[in-house]
């Protein structure tokens, strides 16, 4: 067919696979126009043209690899993590197109859009720094699910000078209240772990390359098995930086409030899981 764009080829392959296997995925209902709006919601509007040109749709999102993102000119490590966490939230919400919240509403922090996080900054008296989050990739999923994302990371993105210690302390207090005690403790423990590498705002992602010994196995592997997905599909826990982490109580219950209420009504066993949503 003469299709040169590798992402166009990938889109065709995924569509053919879905057609031949007769598997209907919820993600297939989300077209490439929706994806450009999704990029707005997660705070990465600067990549809309590249995603639109590649016709990246909902089905493709869950099969994106590191090299796919590099092809789309997404080189920032922080932006890779932002997209990874956003895809995880989509999986948890069964690709509900309206799972991210742009305005104040009964929702969990993990469902907050970039705009909603900026609104929170205004609520905690940091309105003058809120515009700095445009194009940062900061959304509720990144704040909650990425263990290396802390108040220090947020302070860097907001361009709050290090010498403004009182302001940074105020942000740290508000951030801890936002994510909750357990998530705060987990982030602290992760930061104190041996071999921990702090998350920076300038780190770049390098292309994934196959080693020499891997070439002999390529023909034996299925395409999906050799792919390095940004967000692994059907994983029991969230994989962060190559480390598999089971979701804690603070990270569970990512589906919308109405869906959780329906599940509670259907369940015969008492549900003791607390709703950790914050406004």
Protein backbone atom coordinates (compact mmCIF):
# COMPACT_ATOMS: atom_id res chain seq x y z
CA UNK A 1 0.00 0.00 0.00
CA UNK A 2 3.02 2.27 0.24
CA UNK A 3 2.26 3.50 3.78
CA UNK A 4 5.48 5.13 4.97
CA UNK A 5 4.49 6.58 8.34
CA UNK A 6 5.24 3.85 10.94
CA UNK A 7 2.33 4.96 13.11
CA UNK A 8 -0.07 4.80 10.16
CA UNK A 9 1.13 1.23 9.57
CA UNK A 10 0.62 0.43 13.23
CA UNK A 11 -2.91 1.82 13.10
CA UNK A 12 -3.72 -0.37 10.10
CA UNK A 13 -2.24 -3.46 11.77
CA UNK A 14 -4.26 -2.90 14.95
CA UNK A 15 -7.45 -2.34 12.95
CA UNK A 16 -6.86 -5.53 10.93
CA UNK A 17 -6.14 -7.49 14.09
CA UNK A 18 -9.38 -6.25 15.68
CA UNK A 19 -11.30 -7.15 12.51
CA UNK A 20 -9.91 -10.67 12.24
CA UNK A 21 -10.19 -11.51 15.95
CA UNK A 22 -13.66 -9.91 16.24
CA UNK A 23 -12.56 -8.39 19.55
CA UNK A 24 -14.37 -5.13 20.28
CA UNK A 25 -12.33 -2.82 22.47
CA UNK A 26 -13.88 0.15 24.24
CA UNK A 27 -10.85 2.22 23.24
CA UNK A 28 -11.76 1.81 19.55
CA UNK A 29 -14.69 4.18 20.08
CA UNK A 30 -12.29 7.08 20.70
CA UNK A 31 -11.11 8.69 17.46
CA UNK A 32 -8.01 10.79 16.79
CA UNK A 33 -9.96 14.03 17.34
CA UNK A 34 -10.79 12.89 20.87
CA UNK A 35 -7.09 12.14 21.46
CA UNK A 36 -6.14 15.75 20.67
CA UNK A 37 -8.66 16.93 23.28
CA UNK A 38 -7.24 14.36 25.71
CA UNK A 39 -3.78 15.88 25.22
CA UNK A 40 -5.28 19.22 26.28
CA UNK A 41 -6.73 17.59 29.39
CA UNK A 42 -3.44 16.03 30.49
CA UNK A 43 -1.52 19.25 29.90
CA UNK A 44 0.37 18.37 26.72
CA UNK A 45 -1.28 20.44 23.96
CA UNK A 46 2.09 21.07 22.28
CA UNK A 47 1.97 17.55 20.80
CA UNK A 48 -1.49 17.83 19.24
CA UNK A 49 -0.22 18.42 15.70
CA UNK A 50 2.08 15.37 15.78
CA UNK A 51 -0.62 13.09 17.21
CA UNK A 52 -3.18 14.44 14.73
CA UNK A 53 -0.87 13.92 11.77
CA UNK A 54 -0.17 10.34 12.90
CA UNK A 55 -3.93 9.81 13.41
CA UNK A 56 -3.34 8.38 16.89
CA UNK A 57 -6.72 7.18 18.19
CA UNK A 58 -7.95 5.50 21.35
CA UNK A 59 -7.01 2.01 20.22
CA UNK A 60 -3.46 3.11 19.43
CA UNK A 61 -3.01 4.86 22.78
CA UNK A 62 -2.91 1.61 24.74
CA UNK A 63 -0.31 0.13 22.37
CA UNK A 64 2.06 3.11 22.31
CA UNK A 65 5.71 2.30 22.96
CA UNK A 66 8.65 4.45 24.02
CA UNK A 67 9.86 4.62 20.42
CA UNK A 68 6.37 5.55 19.22
CA UNK A 69 6.40 8.57 21.52
CA UNK A 70 9.86 9.52 20.31
CA UNK A 71 8.54 9.31 16.74
CA UNK A 72 5.85 11.75 17.87
CA UNK A 73 8.67 14.02 19.14
CA UNK A 74 7.87 13.42 22.81
CA UNK A 75 11.37 13.28 24.30
CA UNK A 76 10.85 14.55 27.86
CA UNK A 77 10.95 11.83 30.53
CA UNK A 78 8.35 13.72 32.55
CA UNK A 79 6.02 13.86 29.55
CA UNK A 80 6.47 10.12 28.96
CA UNK A 81 5.45 9.51 32.58
CA UNK A 82 2.52 11.91 32.18
CA UNK A 83 1.20 9.97 29.18
CA UNK A 84 1.85 6.66 30.94
CA UNK A 85 -0.18 7.65 34.01
CA UNK A 86 -2.94 9.13 31.84
CA UNK A 87 -3.23 5.84 29.91
CA UNK A 88 -3.39 3.96 33.22
CA UNK A 89 -6.31 6.17 34.31
CA UNK A 90 -8.05 5.41 31.00
CA UNK A 91 -7.58 1.67 31.56
CA UNK A 92 -8.92 1.94 35.10
CA UNK A 93 -11.96 3.83 33.82
CA UNK A 94 -12.56 1.38 30.94
CA UNK A 95 -11.74 4.12 28.44
CA UNK A 96 -14.60 6.31 29.54
CA UNK A 97 -14.06 9.43 27.36
CA UNK A 98 -15.26 11.71 30.17
CA UNK A 99 -13.23 10.27 33.05
CA UNK A 100 -11.00 13.35 33.43
CA UNK A 101 -12.54 16.25 35.34
CA UNK A 102 -11.93 19.80 34.14
CA UNK A 103 -14.05 21.58 36.73
CA UNK A 104 -14.89 21.13 40.38
CA UNK A 105 -17.05 18.04 40.74
CA UNK A 106 -17.28 14.95 42.97
CA UNK A 107 -14.18 13.17 41.69
CA UNK A 108 -10.90 11.75 42.90
CA UNK A 109 -7.65 13.63 42.45
CA UNK A 110 -6.41 10.91 40.10
CA UNK A 111 -9.13 11.98 37.64
CA UNK A 112 -8.18 15.66 37.64
CA UNK A 113 -7.22 17.27 34.35
CA UNK A 114 -4.38 19.76 34.01
CA UNK A 115 -6.90 22.60 34.21
CA UNK A 116 -8.36 21.19 37.43
CA UNK A 117 -4.88 21.06 39.02
CA UNK A 118 -4.36 24.70 38.04
CA UNK A 119 -7.69 25.53 39.66
CA UNK A 120 -6.52 23.81 42.85
CA UNK A 121 -3.42 26.05 42.87
CA UNK A 122 -5.70 29.07 42.88
CA UNK A 123 -7.66 27.61 45.80
CA UNK A 124 -4.45 27.21 47.85
CA UNK A 125 -3.40 30.81 47.12
CA UNK A 126 -0.81 30.04 44.46
CA UNK A 127 -2.74 31.53 41.55
CA UNK A 128 0.21 33.54 40.22
CA UNK A 129 2.12 30.31 39.54
CA UNK A 130 -0.78 28.35 38.01
CA UNK A 131 -0.10 29.43 34.37
CA UNK A 132 3.32 27.76 34.59
CA UNK A 133 1.60 24.37 34.47
CA UNK A 134 0.44 24.89 30.88
CA UNK A 135 2.27 22.40 28.70
CA UNK A 136 3.82 20.71 31.76
CA UNK A 137 1.94 17.41 31.51
CA UNK A 138 0.80 17.66 35.13
CA UNK A 139 -2.59 16.09 35.82
CA UNK A 140 -4.14 14.16 38.69
CA UNK A 141 -2.96 10.78 37.44
CA UNK A 142 0.67 11.90 37.36
CA UNK A 143 0.41 13.52 40.80
CA UNK A 144 -1.05 10.41 42.44
CA UNK A 145 0.41 7.48 40.48
CA UNK A 146 4.02 8.55 39.90
CA UNK A 147 5.94 7.92 43.16
CA UNK A 148 8.76 10.28 42.17
CA UNK A 149 6.39 13.20 41.60
CA UNK A 150 6.57 15.22 44.82
CA UNK A 151 5.97 18.76 46.00
CA UNK A 152 9.60 19.50 45.04
CA UNK A 153 8.88 18.43 41.45
CA UNK A 154 5.80 20.63 41.41
CA UNK A 155 7.75 23.57 42.83
CA UNK A 156 10.30 23.22 40.01
CA UNK A 157 7.56 23.16 37.38
CA UNK A 158 5.90 26.20 38.95
CA UNK A 159 9.24 28.06 38.92
CA UNK A 160 9.03 28.87 42.63
CA UNK A 161 12.55 30.08 43.57
CA UNK A 162 14.42 27.87 46.10
CA UNK A 163 14.99 30.89 48.34
CA UNK A 164 11.23 31.28 48.85
CA UNK A 165 11.27 28.65 51.59
CA UNK A 166 7.98 29.68 53.21
CA UNK A 167 6.17 29.48 49.88
CA UNK A 168 7.67 26.06 49.13
CA UNK A 169 6.73 24.87 52.62
CA UNK A 170 3.16 26.07 52.04
CA UNK A 171 3.07 24.16 48.73
CA UNK A 172 4.43 21.01 50.42
CA UNK A 173 1.71 21.16 53.08
CA UNK A 174 -1.04 21.69 50.50
CA UNK A 175 0.39 18.91 48.30
CA UNK A 176 0.42 16.42 51.20
CA UNK A 177 -3.19 17.29 52.02
CA UNK A 178 -4.11 16.79 48.37
CA UNK A 179 -2.59 13.34 47.84
CA UNK A 180 -3.37 12.01 51.32
CA UNK A 181 -1.31 10.58 54.16
CA UNK A 182 -0.68 7.15 52.66
CA UNK A 183 0.42 8.39 49.23
CA UNK A 184 2.66 10.98 50.92
CA UNK A 185 4.28 8.24 52.99
CA UNK A 186 4.77 6.02 49.93
CA UNK A 187 6.40 8.85 47.99
CA UNK A 188 8.71 9.51 50.94
CA UNK A 189 9.67 5.83 51.23
CA UNK A 190 10.25 5.60 47.49
CA UNK A 191 12.48 8.67 47.66
CA UNK A 192 14.51 7.18 50.51
CA UNK A 193 14.99 3.82 48.78
CA UNK A 194 18.47 2.71 47.73
CA UNK A 195 19.27 3.64 44.15
CA UNK A 196 16.49 6.21 43.93
CA UNK A 197 16.93 8.67 41.05
CA UNK A 198 15.00 11.93 41.59
CA UNK A 199 12.58 13.00 38.89
CA UNK A 200 13.86 16.05 37.02
CA UNK A 201 12.11 18.37 34.60
CA UNK A 202 14.92 18.26 32.02
CA UNK A 203 15.69 14.52 31.64
CA UNK A 204 15.30 13.12 28.12
CA UNK A 205 14.27 9.64 26.99
CA UNK A 206 16.58 7.64 24.74
CA UNK A 207 15.33 5.26 22.04
CA UNK A 208 14.93 1.63 23.04
CA UNK A 209 17.34 -0.54 21.06
CA UNK A 210 17.41 -4.31 20.65
CA UNK A 211 20.55 -6.04 21.83
CA UNK A 212 22.51 -8.32 19.47
CA UNK A 213 21.31 -11.49 21.21
CA UNK A 214 17.68 -10.48 20.80
CA UNK A 215 17.67 -10.52 17.00
CA UNK A 216 17.71 -14.32 16.81
CA UNK A 217 14.46 -14.46 18.78
CA UNK A 218 12.50 -11.88 16.80
CA UNK A 219 10.95 -14.37 14.41
CA UNK A 220 9.77 -16.53 17.28
CA UNK A 221 8.09 -13.69 19.11
CA UNK A 222 4.67 -12.29 18.53
CA UNK A 223 4.59 -8.54 17.80
CA UNK A 224 2.81 -7.74 21.08
CA UNK A 225 5.34 -9.67 23.16
CA UNK A 226 8.32 -7.76 21.80
CA UNK A 227 6.65 -4.37 22.21
CA UNK A 228 7.64 -2.14 25.09
CA UNK A 229 4.34 -0.50 25.91
CA UNK A 230 4.33 2.80 27.77
CA UNK A 231 1.57 1.44 30.02
CA UNK A 232 1.40 -2.39 30.16
CA UNK A 233 -2.02 -3.79 29.37
CA UNK A 234 -3.91 -5.91 31.91
CA UNK A 235 -1.21 -5.55 34.54
CA UNK A 236 -2.21 -6.19 38.13
CA UNK A 237 -0.37 -3.10 39.28
CA UNK A 238 1.14 0.02 37.83
CA UNK A 239 4.64 -0.42 36.44
CA UNK A 240 6.72 2.67 37.12
CA UNK A 241 10.23 3.00 35.70
CA UNK A 242 10.43 -0.75 35.19
CA UNK A 243 9.34 -1.52 38.76
CA UNK A 244 5.96 -3.20 39.24
CA UNK A 245 3.96 -1.58 42.04
CA UNK A 246 0.66 -2.89 43.35
CA UNK A 247 -1.79 -0.01 43.78
CA UNK A 248 -2.17 1.12 47.38
CA UNK A 249 -5.47 2.13 48.94
CA UNK A 250 -4.71 5.67 47.85
CA UNK A 251 -4.44 4.55 44.21
CA UNK A 252 -7.43 2.21 44.04
CA UNK A 253 -10.95 3.03 42.96
CA UNK A 254 -9.95 4.97 39.87
CA UNK A 255 -13.31 4.52 38.16
CA UNK A 256 -15.84 7.36 38.23
CA UNK A 257 -17.92 7.81 41.38
CA UNK A 258 -21.17 6.70 39.74
CA UNK A 259 -19.56 3.50 38.46
CA UNK A 260 -18.22 2.67 41.91
CA UNK A 261 -21.64 3.24 43.45
CA UNK A 262 -23.19 0.85 40.93
CA UNK A 263 -20.57 -1.77 41.77
CA UNK A 264 -21.33 -1.38 45.47
CA UNK A 265 -25.04 -1.94 44.86
CA UNK A 266 -24.30 -5.08 42.85
CA UNK A 267 -21.93 -6.49 45.44
CA UNK A 268 -23.42 -8.62 48.21
CA UNK A 269 -20.33 -8.34 50.38
CA UNK A 270 -19.78 -5.18 52.45
CA UNK A 271 -17.31 -2.82 50.86
CA UNK A 272 -15.03 -1.22 53.40
CA UNK A 273 -12.90 0.66 50.94
CA UNK A 274 -12.96 4.36 51.70
CA UNK A 275 -13.42 6.96 49.03
CA UNK A 276 -10.25 9.01 49.03
CA UNK A 277 -11.56 11.81 46.82
CA UNK A 278 -10.66 15.37 47.64
CA UNK A 279 -11.84 18.65 46.33
